[in-house]
Amino acid sequence: MGVSEALLFELGALLVMLALLGALPVGSHCHRSRFICWRG
């Protein structure tokens, strides 16, 4: 897998996680990489 393909895969996974977090009633959640956190 090329670098661009890996980047697209990561961006797609991040968008999916954002969509799931937006749909789930969570108080706070941090990405597994620990550099992206949400507060709802």
C-alpha atoms as a PDB file:
ATOM      1  CA  MET A   1       0.000   0.000   0.000  1.00  0.00           C
ATOM      2  CA  GLY A   2       1.359   3.416  -0.967  1.00  0.00           C
ATOM      3  CA  VAL A   3       1.678   6.422   1.307  1.00  0.00           C
ATOM      4  CA  SER A   4      -1.288   8.238  -0.263  1.00  0.00           C
ATOM      5  CA  GLU A   5      -3.472   5.149   0.095  1.00  0.00           C
ATOM      6  CA  ALA A   6      -2.513   4.791   3.756  1.00  0.00           C
ATOM      7  CA  LEU A   7      -3.338   8.471   4.350  1.00  0.00           C
ATOM      8  CA  LEU A   8      -6.721   8.085   2.675  1.00  0.00           C
ATOM      9  CA  PHE A   9      -7.412   5.016   4.801  1.00  0.00           C
ATOM     10  CA  GLU A  10      -6.537   6.915   8.004  1.00  0.00           C
ATOM     11  CA  LEU A  11      -8.711   9.881   7.002  1.00  0.00           C
ATOM     12  CA  GLY A  12     -11.597   7.559   6.194  1.00  0.00           C
ATOM     13  CA  ALA A  13     -11.301   5.791   9.553  1.00  0.00           C
ATOM     14  CA  LEU A  14     -11.198   9.162  11.329  1.00  0.00           C
ATOM     15  CA  LEU A  15     -14.340  10.334   9.505  1.00  0.00           C
ATOM     16  CA  VAL A  16     -16.114   7.105  10.494  1.00  0.00           C
ATOM     17  CA  MET A  17     -15.097   7.598  14.127  1.00  0.00           C
ATOM     18  CA  LEU A  18     -16.318  11.210  14.031  1.00  0.00           C
ATOM     19  CA  ALA A  19     -19.648  10.075  12.596  1.00  0.00           C
ATOM     20  CA  LEU A  20     -20.026   7.362  15.254  1.00  0.00           C
ATOM     21  CA  LEU A  21     -19.132   9.772  18.051  1.00  0.00           C
ATOM     22  CA  GLY A  22     -21.615  12.296  16.694  1.00  0.00           C
ATOM     23  CA  ALA A  23     -24.341   9.626  16.761  1.00  0.00           C
ATOM     24  CA  LEU A  24     -23.470   8.136  20.156  1.00  0.00           C
ATOM     25  CA  PRO A  25     -24.432   9.872  23.423  1.00  0.00           C
ATOM     26  CA  VAL A  26     -20.953  10.060  24.908  1.00  0.00           C
ATOM     27  CA  GLY A  27     -19.677  12.568  27.456  1.00  0.00           C
ATOM     28  CA  SER A  28     -16.052  12.532  26.336  1.00  0.00           C
ATOM     29  CA  HIS A  29     -13.913  10.339  24.146  1.00  0.00           C
ATOM     30  CA  CYS A  30     -10.290  10.295  23.060  1.00  0.00           C
ATOM     31  CA  HIS A  31      -8.892   8.789  19.880  1.00  0.00           C
ATOM     32  CA  ARG A  32      -6.637   5.794  20.327  1.00  0.00           C
ATOM     33  CA  SER A  33      -3.710   7.931  19.207  1.00  0.00           C
ATOM     34  CA  ARG A  34      -4.461  10.247  22.157  1.00  0.00           C
ATOM     35  CA  PHE A  35      -4.066  13.467  20.152  1.00  0.00           C
ATOM     36  CA  ILE A  36      -7.727  13.973  19.204  1.00  0.00           C
ATOM     37  CA  CYS A  37     -10.291  14.349  21.984  1.00  0.00           C
ATOM     38  CA  TRP A  38     -13.968  15.239  21.864  1.00  0.00           C
ATOM     39  CA  ARG A  39     -16.239  16.627  24.558  1.00  0.00           C
ATOM     40  CA  GLY A  40     -19.988  16.382  24.189  1.00  0.00           C
END
